[in-house]
Amino acid sequence: MSISFVRIDDRVIHGQLVTRWAKELPCDGIIAIDDAVAADPLLSAVMKGAVQDIRVWLFDTATAIEKLPKIIASEKRYFVIGKSPVTLQRIEEAGIDLQNASQKINVGPMSSRANTITIGPNQAVSPEEVAAFDYLAQRGHQIEFRLVPDASACRWQDARQKIK
């Protein structure tokens, strides 16, 4: 499949992604999707600079919706990284089926913020993110919270029980 890995990570692109995940699951390129990151030239340059030897594209959500069908049809292997599950929900609502492109959605760090509930180590979700995870799970996605490849995983169904 052209999309070999789908991840949600509030840091978007960082060293751990490249040193741990890209070695475990080789890829030809990384597609990062976040409106704020794509709109910030300095932050975009920093993110692209964190990766060596792998092409990186930073898209806002609208551009990702336009480009993802071609990426999915490609023979190359790409990571797709969104900063939030809300981004992936918007992509699916636009008619792009990430379920057929990747086996699972991996969830990395989602830092604690105002109005969030902690559901795991370095993982906190807002009500909007809970709704987005529920949407993705109802569409058949296997969602696992795992910071690095050799760490234990927690399924969304189990994490969801911590939320009242």
C-alpha atoms as a PDB file:
ATOM      1  CA  MET A   1       0.000   0.000   0.000  1.00  0.00           C
ATOM      2  CA  SER A   2       1.138   3.515  -0.631  1.00  0.00           C
ATOM      3  CA  ILE A   3       0.359   4.740   2.874  1.00  0.00           C
ATOM      4  CA  SER A   4       2.344   2.473   5.137  1.00  0.00           C
ATOM      5  CA  PHE A   5       1.726   4.305   8.413  1.00  0.00           C
ATOM      6  CA  VAL A   6      -0.883   6.743   9.726  1.00  0.00           C
ATOM      7  CA  ARG A   7      -0.054   8.576  12.949  1.00  0.00           C
ATOM      8  CA  ILE A   8      -1.495  11.273  15.143  1.00  0.00           C
ATOM      9  CA  ASP A   9       1.207  13.200  16.976  1.00  0.00           C
ATOM     10  CA  ASP A  10       0.967  16.705  18.377  1.00  0.00           C
ATOM     11  CA  ARG A  11       4.665  17.270  17.598  1.00  0.00           C
ATOM     12  CA  VAL A  12       3.989  16.339  13.947  1.00  0.00           C
ATOM     13  CA  ILE A  13       7.573  15.631  12.779  1.00  0.00           C
ATOM     14  CA  HIS A  14      10.371  15.061  15.265  1.00  0.00           C
ATOM     15  CA  GLY A  15      13.458  12.928  15.791  1.00  0.00           C
ATOM     16  CA  GLN A  16      11.677   9.998  17.425  1.00  0.00           C
ATOM     17  CA  LEU A  17       9.438   9.593  14.414  1.00  0.00           C
ATOM     18  CA  VAL A  18      12.420   9.363  12.124  1.00  0.00           C
ATOM     19  CA  THR A  19      14.793   7.381  14.324  1.00  0.00           C
ATOM     20  CA  ARG A  20      12.276   4.855  15.613  1.00  0.00           C
ATOM     21  CA  TRP A  21       9.212   4.578  13.368  1.00  0.00           C
ATOM     22  CA  ALA A  22      10.863   5.165   9.982  1.00  0.00           C
ATOM     23  CA  LYS A  23      13.422   2.469  10.767  1.00  0.00           C
ATOM     24  CA  GLU A  24      10.698   0.022  11.824  1.00  0.00           C
ATOM     25  CA  LEU A  25       8.424   0.839   8.889  1.00  0.00           C
ATOM     26  CA  PRO A  26      10.514   2.184   5.998  1.00  0.00           C
ATOM     27  CA  CYS A  27       8.989   4.937   3.911  1.00  0.00           C
ATOM     28  CA  ASP A  28       9.783   6.998   0.838  1.00  0.00           C
ATOM     29  CA  GLY A  29       8.234  10.189   2.174  1.00  0.00           C
ATOM     30  CA  ILE A  30       6.325  11.817   5.020  1.00  0.00           C
ATOM     31  CA  ILE A  31       3.080  13.716   4.501  1.00  0.00           C
ATOM     32  CA  ALA A  32       2.407  15.967   7.496  1.00  0.00           C
ATOM     33  CA  ILE A  33      -1.015  17.573   7.736  1.00  0.00           C
ATOM     34  CA  ASP A  34      -1.793  20.522   9.961  1.00  0.00           C
ATOM     35  CA  ASP A  35      -3.223  23.911   9.066  1.00  0.00           C
ATOM     36  CA  ALA A  36      -1.136  25.925  11.559  1.00  0.00           C
ATOM     37  CA  VAL A  37       2.170  24.194  10.748  1.00  0.00           C
ATOM     38  CA  ALA A  38       1.619  24.504   6.992  1.00  0.00           C
ATOM     39  CA  ALA A  39       0.893  28.227   7.384  1.00  0.00           C
ATOM     40  CA  ASP A  40       4.065  28.934   9.383  1.00  0.00           C
ATOM     41  CA  PRO A  41       7.172  29.063   7.139  1.00  0.00           C
ATOM     42  CA  LEU A  42       9.605  28.948  10.071  1.00  0.00           C
ATOM     43  CA  LEU A  43       7.908  25.987  11.752  1.00  0.00           C
ATOM     44  CA  SER A  44       7.628  24.219   8.386  1.00  0.00           C
ATOM     45  CA  ALA A  45      11.370  24.677   7.806  1.00  0.00           C
ATOM     46  CA  VAL A  46      12.164  23.320  11.269  1.00  0.00           C
ATOM     47  CA  MET A  47       9.963  20.263  10.691  1.00  0.00           C
ATOM     48  CA  LYS A  48      11.508  19.552   7.301  1.00  0.00           C
ATOM     49  CA  GLY A  49      14.969  20.019   8.794  1.00  0.00           C
ATOM     50  CA  ALA A  50      14.289  17.298  11.383  1.00  0.00           C
ATOM     51  CA  VAL A  51      14.309  14.667   8.642  1.00  0.00           C
ATOM     52  CA  GLN A  52      17.305  13.573   6.611  1.00  0.00           C
ATOM     53  CA  ASP A  53      17.151  11.333   3.524  1.00  0.00           C
ATOM     54  CA  ILE A  54      13.329  11.237   3.416  1.00  0.00           C
ATOM     55  CA  ARG A  55      11.172  13.735   1.503  1.00  0.00           C
ATOM     56  CA  VAL A  56       8.702  15.701   3.593  1.00  0.00           C
ATOM     57  CA  TRP A  57       5.559  17.542   2.511  1.00  0.00           C
ATOM     58  CA  LEU A  58       3.597  19.786   4.867  1.00  0.00           C
ATOM     59  CA  PHE A  59       0.007  20.342   3.809  1.00  0.00           C
ATOM     60  CA  ASP A  60      -2.936  22.170   5.235  1.00  0.00           C
ATOM     61  CA  THR A  61      -6.073  20.026   5.406  1.00  0.00           C
ATOM     62  CA  ALA A  62      -7.576  21.343   2.156  1.00  0.00           C
ATOM     63  CA  THR A  63      -4.379  20.631   0.212  1.00  0.00           C
ATOM     64  CA  ALA A  64      -4.097  17.181   1.779  1.00  0.00           C
ATOM     65  CA  ILE A  65      -7.653  16.368   0.684  1.00  0.00           C
ATOM     66  CA  GLU A  66      -6.691  17.389  -2.845  1.00  0.00           C
ATOM     67  CA  LYS A  67      -3.364  15.480  -2.927  1.00  0.00           C
ATOM     68  CA  LEU A  68      -4.088  12.306  -0.918  1.00  0.00           C
ATOM     69  CA  PRO A  69      -5.898  10.380  -3.674  1.00  0.00           C
ATOM     70  CA  LYS A  70      -2.753  10.550  -5.835  1.00  0.00           C
ATOM     71  CA  ILE A  71      -0.591   9.619  -2.863  1.00  0.00           C
ATOM     72  CA  ILE A  72      -2.801   6.622  -2.064  1.00  0.00           C
ATOM     73  CA  ALA A  73      -2.595   5.500  -5.704  1.00  0.00           C
ATOM     74  CA  SER A  74       1.198   5.764  -5.713  1.00  0.00           C
ATOM     75  CA  GLU A  75       3.514   2.782  -5.584  1.00  0.00           C
ATOM     76  CA  LYS A  76       5.745   4.545  -3.057  1.00  0.00           C
ATOM     77  CA  ARG A  77       5.329   4.191   0.711  1.00  0.00           C
ATOM     78  CA  TYR A  78       4.319   7.248   2.696  1.00  0.00           C
ATOM     79  CA  PHE A  79       3.716   8.096   6.323  1.00  0.00           C
ATOM     80  CA  VAL A  80       0.704  10.332   6.918  1.00  0.00           C
ATOM     81  CA  ILE A  81       0.884  12.312  10.134  1.00  0.00           C
ATOM     82  CA  GLY A  82      -1.823  14.554  11.510  1.00  0.00           C
ATOM     83  CA  LYS A  83      -1.466  16.699  14.594  1.00  0.00           C
ATOM     84  CA  SER A  84      -4.968  15.787  15.754  1.00  0.00           C
ATOM     85  CA  PRO A  85      -7.593  13.116  15.150  1.00  0.00           C
ATOM     86  CA  VAL A  86      -9.872  15.962  14.077  1.00  0.00           C
ATOM     87  CA  THR A  87      -7.664  16.407  10.993  1.00  0.00           C
ATOM     88  CA  LEU A  88      -8.058  12.744  10.046  1.00  0.00           C
ATOM     89  CA  GLN A  89     -11.812  12.980  10.608  1.00  0.00           C
ATOM     90  CA  ARG A  90     -12.019  15.936   8.199  1.00  0.00           C
ATOM     91  CA  ILE A  91     -10.060  13.990   5.598  1.00  0.00           C
ATOM     92  CA  GLU A  92     -12.401  11.010   5.880  1.00  0.00           C
ATOM     93  CA  GLU A  93     -15.469  13.255   5.803  1.00  0.00           C
ATOM     94  CA  ALA A  94     -14.139  14.596   2.486  1.00  0.00           C
ATOM     95  CA  GLY A  95     -14.382  11.082   1.055  1.00  0.00           C
ATOM     96  CA  ILE A  96     -10.799   9.892   1.440  1.00  0.00           C
ATOM     97  CA  ASP A  97     -10.745   6.420   2.953  1.00  0.00           C
ATOM     98  CA  LEU A  98      -7.629   6.056   5.064  1.00  0.00           C
ATOM     99  CA  GLN A  99      -8.903   2.659   6.260  1.00  0.00           C
ATOM    100  CA  ASN A 100      -8.046   1.091   2.915  1.00  0.00           C
ATOM    101  CA  ALA A 101      -4.673   2.795   2.891  1.00  0.00           C
ATOM    102  CA  SER A 102      -3.340   1.684   6.278  1.00  0.00           C
ATOM    103  CA  GLN A 103      -4.069  -1.104   8.734  1.00  0.00           C
ATOM    104  CA  LYS A 104      -4.038   1.073  11.851  1.00  0.00           C
ATOM    105  CA  ILE A 105      -3.962   4.592  13.122  1.00  0.00           C
ATOM    106  CA  ASN A 106      -1.103   4.978  15.574  1.00  0.00           C
ATOM    107  CA  VAL A 107      -1.401   7.674  18.228  1.00  0.00           C
ATOM    108  CA  GLY A 108       1.728   9.188  19.702  1.00  0.00           C
ATOM    109  CA  PRO A 109       2.014  12.130  22.065  1.00  0.00           C
ATOM    110  CA  MET A 110      -1.015  14.323  22.620  1.00  0.00           C
ATOM    111  CA  SER A 111       0.113  16.670  25.364  1.00  0.00           C
ATOM    112  CA  SER A 112      -2.083  17.809  28.206  1.00  0.00           C
ATOM    113  CA  ARG A 113      -3.831  21.087  27.443  1.00  0.00           C
ATOM    114  CA  ALA A 114      -6.734  23.040  28.878  1.00  0.00           C
ATOM    115  CA  ASN A 115      -9.979  21.049  28.843  1.00  0.00           C
ATOM    116  CA  THR A 116      -8.338  17.662  28.226  1.00  0.00           C
ATOM    117  CA  ILE A 117      -8.557  14.307  29.965  1.00  0.00           C
ATOM    118  CA  THR A 118      -5.418  12.228  30.421  1.00  0.00           C
ATOM    119  CA  ILE A 119      -5.876   8.722  29.047  1.00  0.00           C
ATOM    120  CA  GLY A 120      -2.281   7.482  29.022  1.00  0.00           C
ATOM    121  CA  PRO A 121       1.333   8.494  29.356  1.00  0.00           C
ATOM    122  CA  ASN A 122       1.759  11.786  27.473  1.00  0.00           C
ATOM    123  CA  GLN A 123      -1.709  11.345  25.990  1.00  0.00           C
ATOM    124  CA  ALA A 124      -4.617  13.643  26.713  1.00  0.00           C
ATOM    125  CA  VAL A 125      -7.743  14.287  24.657  1.00  0.00           C
ATOM    126  CA  SER A 126     -10.247  17.103  24.363  1.00  0.00           C
ATOM    127  CA  PRO A 127     -13.980  16.511  23.886  1.00  0.00           C
ATOM    128  CA  GLU A 128     -13.603  17.342  20.165  1.00  0.00           C
ATOM    129  CA  GLU A 129     -10.783  14.787  19.862  1.00  0.00           C
ATOM    130  CA  VAL A 130     -12.857  12.141  21.681  1.00  0.00           C
ATOM    131  CA  ALA A 131     -15.617  12.682  19.114  1.00  0.00           C
ATOM    132  CA  ALA A 132     -13.077  12.413  16.276  1.00  0.00           C
ATOM    133  CA  PHE A 133     -11.631   9.163  17.663  1.00  0.00           C
ATOM    134  CA  ASP A 134     -15.168   7.793  18.051  1.00  0.00           C
ATOM    135  CA  TYR A 135     -15.900   8.738  14.436  1.00  0.00           C
ATOM    136  CA  LEU A 136     -12.731   7.050  13.155  1.00  0.00           C
ATOM    137  CA  ALA A 137     -13.387   3.922  15.236  1.00  0.00           C
ATOM    138  CA  GLN A 138     -16.978   3.718  13.974  1.00  0.00           C
ATOM    139  CA  ARG A 139     -15.582   3.820  10.426  1.00  0.00           C
ATOM    140  CA  GLY A 140     -13.620   0.660  11.216  1.00  0.00           C
ATOM    141  CA  HIS A 141     -10.185   2.039  12.045  1.00  0.00           C
ATOM    142  CA  GLN A 142      -8.033   0.161  14.522  1.00  0.00           C
ATOM    143  CA  ILE A 143      -6.670   2.913  16.737  1.00  0.00           C
ATOM    144  CA  GLU A 144      -3.740   2.189  19.007  1.00  0.00           C
ATOM    145  CA  PHE A 145      -1.924   4.483  21.406  1.00  0.00           C
ATOM    146  CA  ARG A 146       1.782   3.644  21.201  1.00  0.00           C
ATOM    147  CA  LEU A 147       4.543   6.189  21.557  1.00  0.00           C
ATOM    148  CA  VAL A 148       7.354   4.072  20.066  1.00  0.00           C
ATOM    149  CA  PRO A 149       7.392   0.724  18.232  1.00  0.00           C
ATOM    150  CA  ASP A 150       8.614  -1.370  21.173  1.00  0.00           C
ATOM    151  CA  ALA A 151       6.269   0.186  23.773  1.00  0.00           C
ATOM    152  CA  SER A 152       3.057  -1.461  24.870  1.00  0.00           C
ATOM    153  CA  ALA A 153      -0.090  -0.360  23.062  1.00  0.00           C
ATOM    154  CA  CYS A 154      -3.517   0.631  24.273  1.00  0.00           C
ATOM    155  CA  ARG A 155      -6.542   0.372  21.997  1.00  0.00           C
ATOM    156  CA  TRP A 156      -8.978   3.290  21.683  1.00  0.00           C
ATOM    157  CA  GLN A 157     -11.788   1.096  23.002  1.00  0.00           C
ATOM    158  CA  ASP A 158      -9.831   0.624  26.248  1.00  0.00           C
ATOM    159  CA  ALA A 159      -8.715   4.257  26.484  1.00  0.00           C
ATOM    160  CA  ARG A 160     -12.296   5.391  25.819  1.00  0.00           C
ATOM    161  CA  GLN A 161     -13.461   3.725  29.033  1.00  0.00           C
ATOM    162  CA  LYS A 162     -11.376   6.211  31.045  1.00  0.00           C
ATOM    163  CA  ILE A 163     -13.545   9.048  29.736  1.00  0.00           C
ATOM    164  CA  LYS A 164     -16.846   9.751  31.434  1.00  0.00           C
END
